[in-house]
Amino acid sequence: MKTWTYLLLLFTLITSCSSNSESQKLTWYNNATINNILEDPDKPEEVVRVAIGISAQVFYISKKSSDYKTLMEKANLSFKKGKTYNIGIENKTNMVKEINEVK
């Protein structure tokens, strides 16, 4: 009986830690505005540079992404009109993966 309890506890720990791995791959900037959008001089065919926030942290939107058009529409709206969004940046790549409405 003790063995089953330990196995159940171990299984619960493993499944609870791995259930939300997709959202853990993103760093979120909540209520953020985009301050600048520029073509990347090093890779103009691949990415667009996006600066977020007062400190102007630079991130990228991939032109090869299936969401490129939607991400650019929201980025332009934020840049031109000052609209705030929750922006998800992929860890280790600095690529913008999600731009969501602030709820």
C-alpha atoms as a PDB file:
ATOM      1  CA  MET A   1       0.000   0.000   0.000  1.00  0.00           C
ATOM      2  CA  LYS A   2       2.847   2.381   0.827  1.00  0.00           C
ATOM      3  CA  THR A   3       4.423   1.743  -2.568  1.00  0.00           C
ATOM      4  CA  TRP A   4       1.181   2.632  -4.372  1.00  0.00           C
ATOM      5  CA  THR A   5       0.931   5.873  -2.414  1.00  0.00           C
ATOM      6  CA  TYR A   6       4.459   6.878  -3.413  1.00  0.00           C
ATOM      7  CA  LEU A   7       3.841   5.954  -7.042  1.00  0.00           C
ATOM      8  CA  LEU A   8       0.635   7.961  -7.090  1.00  0.00           C
ATOM      9  CA  LEU A   9       2.377  10.940  -5.520  1.00  0.00           C
ATOM     10  CA  LEU A  10       5.229  10.715  -8.035  1.00  0.00           C
ATOM     11  CA  PHE A  11       2.808  10.464 -10.962  1.00  0.00           C
ATOM     12  CA  THR A  12       0.854  13.500  -9.701  1.00  0.00           C
ATOM     13  CA  LEU A  13       4.016  15.585  -9.387  1.00  0.00           C
ATOM     14  CA  ILE A  14       5.206  14.683 -12.875  1.00  0.00           C
ATOM     15  CA  THR A  15       1.886  15.425 -14.563  1.00  0.00           C
ATOM     16  CA  SER A  16       1.287  18.684 -12.691  1.00  0.00           C
ATOM     17  CA  CYS A  17       4.706  20.060 -13.600  1.00  0.00           C
ATOM     18  CA  SER A  18       4.433  19.230 -17.294  1.00  0.00           C
ATOM     19  CA  SER A  19       0.823  20.156 -18.021  1.00  0.00           C
ATOM     20  CA  ASN A  20       1.366  23.801 -18.962  1.00  0.00           C
ATOM     21  CA  SER A  21       4.673  23.644 -20.842  1.00  0.00           C
ATOM     22  CA  GLU A  22       3.528  25.817 -23.779  1.00  0.00           C
ATOM     23  CA  SER A  23       2.790  28.871 -21.655  1.00  0.00           C
ATOM     24  CA  GLN A  24       6.060  28.382 -19.763  1.00  0.00           C
ATOM     25  CA  LYS A  25       7.953  28.896 -23.028  1.00  0.00           C
ATOM     26  CA  LEU A  26       6.731  32.502 -23.208  1.00  0.00           C
ATOM     27  CA  THR A  27       7.615  35.576 -21.189  1.00  0.00           C
ATOM     28  CA  TRP A  28       4.657  37.928 -20.968  1.00  0.00           C
ATOM     29  CA  TYR A  29       4.739  41.719 -21.129  1.00  0.00           C
ATOM     30  CA  ASN A  30       1.312  42.756 -19.864  1.00  0.00           C
ATOM     31  CA  ASN A  31      -0.316  46.096 -20.702  1.00  0.00           C
ATOM     32  CA  ALA A  32       2.587  46.871 -23.040  1.00  0.00           C
ATOM     33  CA  THR A  33       2.750  49.211 -26.002  1.00  0.00           C
ATOM     34  CA  ILE A  34       5.010  48.951 -28.998  1.00  0.00           C
ATOM     35  CA  ASN A  35       7.213  52.023 -29.372  1.00  0.00           C
ATOM     36  CA  ASN A  36       8.916  51.268 -32.666  1.00  0.00           C
ATOM     37  CA  ILE A  37       8.766  48.915 -35.657  1.00  0.00           C
ATOM     38  CA  LEU A  38      11.730  48.635 -38.011  1.00  0.00           C
ATOM     39  CA  GLU A  39      13.025  46.306 -40.684  1.00  0.00           C
ATOM     40  CA  ASP A  40      15.947  44.337 -39.263  1.00  0.00           C
ATOM     41  CA  PRO A  41      19.119  45.467 -41.080  1.00  0.00           C
ATOM     42  CA  ASP A  42      20.788  42.067 -40.603  1.00  0.00           C
ATOM     43  CA  LYS A  43      17.868  39.891 -41.754  1.00  0.00           C
ATOM     44  CA  PRO A  44      15.361  42.089 -43.651  1.00  0.00           C
ATOM     45  CA  GLU A  45      13.777  39.114 -45.443  1.00  0.00           C
ATOM     46  CA  GLU A  46      13.237  37.160 -42.228  1.00  0.00           C
ATOM     47  CA  VAL A  47      12.244  39.409 -39.317  1.00  0.00           C
ATOM     48  CA  VAL A  48      10.887  42.781 -38.243  1.00  0.00           C
ATOM     49  CA  ARG A  49      12.259  44.487 -35.114  1.00  0.00           C
ATOM     50  CA  VAL A  50       9.726  45.540 -32.502  1.00  0.00           C
ATOM     51  CA  ALA A  51      10.578  47.727 -29.490  1.00  0.00           C
ATOM     52  CA  ILE A  52       8.376  47.285 -26.419  1.00  0.00           C
ATOM     53  CA  GLY A  53       8.015  49.626 -23.462  1.00  0.00           C
ATOM     54  CA  ILE A  54       9.778  52.698 -22.183  1.00  0.00           C
ATOM     55  CA  SER A  55      13.141  50.946 -21.969  1.00  0.00           C
ATOM     56  CA  ALA A  56      12.663  49.865 -25.617  1.00  0.00           C
ATOM     57  CA  GLN A  57      13.493  46.203 -25.329  1.00  0.00           C
ATOM     58  CA  VAL A  58      13.923  44.806 -28.837  1.00  0.00           C
ATOM     59  CA  PHE A  59      12.113  41.680 -30.014  1.00  0.00           C
ATOM     60  CA  TYR A  60      11.346  40.201 -33.422  1.00  0.00           C
ATOM     61  CA  ILE A  61       8.352  39.139 -35.493  1.00  0.00           C
ATOM     62  CA  SER A  62       9.185  36.434 -38.007  1.00  0.00           C
ATOM     63  CA  LYS A  63       8.001  37.112 -41.539  1.00  0.00           C
ATOM     64  CA  LYS A  64       7.814  33.342 -42.030  1.00  0.00           C
ATOM     65  CA  SER A  65       5.350  32.874 -39.147  1.00  0.00           C
ATOM     66  CA  SER A  66       1.830  31.762 -40.021  1.00  0.00           C
ATOM     67  CA  ASP A  67       0.570  34.567 -37.721  1.00  0.00           C
ATOM     68  CA  TYR A  68       2.747  37.275 -39.285  1.00  0.00           C
ATOM     69  CA  LYS A  69      -0.115  39.308 -40.760  1.00  0.00           C
ATOM     70  CA  THR A  70      -2.163  39.276 -37.540  1.00  0.00           C
ATOM     71  CA  LEU A  71       0.846  40.053 -35.356  1.00  0.00           C
ATOM     72  CA  MET A  72       1.851  42.972 -37.594  1.00  0.00           C
ATOM     73  CA  GLU A  73      -1.691  44.399 -37.629  1.00  0.00           C
ATOM     74  CA  LYS A  74      -1.773  44.424 -33.824  1.00  0.00           C
ATOM     75  CA  ALA A  75       1.805  45.724 -33.604  1.00  0.00           C
ATOM     76  CA  ASN A  76       0.995  48.591 -35.974  1.00  0.00           C
ATOM     77  CA  LEU A  77      -2.169  49.433 -34.041  1.00  0.00           C
ATOM     78  CA  SER A  78      -0.163  49.560 -30.818  1.00  0.00           C
ATOM     79  CA  PHE A  79       2.613  51.633 -32.413  1.00  0.00           C
ATOM     80  CA  LYS A  80       0.371  54.139 -34.197  1.00  0.00           C
ATOM     81  CA  LYS A  81      -2.544  54.426 -31.745  1.00  0.00           C
ATOM     82  CA  GLY A  82      -0.847  53.515 -28.444  1.00  0.00           C
ATOM     83  CA  LYS A  83      -3.098  50.489 -27.893  1.00  0.00           C
ATOM     84  CA  THR A  84      -1.909  48.224 -25.074  1.00  0.00           C
ATOM     85  CA  TYR A  85      -1.637  44.455 -25.429  1.00  0.00           C
ATOM     86  CA  ASN A  86      -0.356  41.440 -23.529  1.00  0.00           C
ATOM     87  CA  ILE A  87       2.644  40.384 -25.596  1.00  0.00           C
ATOM     88  CA  GLY A  88       4.125  36.868 -25.374  1.00  0.00           C
ATOM     89  CA  ILE A  89       7.821  36.530 -26.210  1.00  0.00           C
ATOM     90  CA  GLU A  90       9.352  33.103 -26.798  1.00  0.00           C
ATOM     91  CA  ASN A  91      12.155  32.409 -24.338  1.00  0.00           C
ATOM     92  CA  LYS A  92      15.700  32.207 -25.764  1.00  0.00           C
ATOM     93  CA  THR A  93      14.687  33.452 -29.245  1.00  0.00           C
ATOM     94  CA  ASN A  94      13.181  36.904 -28.503  1.00  0.00           C
ATOM     95  CA  MET A  95      10.447  36.193 -31.060  1.00  0.00           C
ATOM     96  CA  VAL A  96       6.973  37.647 -30.581  1.00  0.00           C
ATOM     97  CA  LYS A  97       4.605  34.658 -30.586  1.00  0.00           C
ATOM     98  CA  GLU A  98       1.354  36.158 -29.267  1.00  0.00           C
ATOM     99  CA  ILE A  99      -0.215  39.585 -29.040  1.00  0.00           C
ATOM    100  CA  ASN A 100      -3.452  39.408 -27.053  1.00  0.00           C
ATOM    101  CA  GLU A 101      -6.085  41.921 -26.058  1.00  0.00           C
ATOM    102  CA  VAL A 102      -5.871  43.214 -22.500  1.00  0.00           C
ATOM    103  CA  LYS A 103      -8.890  41.911 -20.560  1.00  0.00           C
END
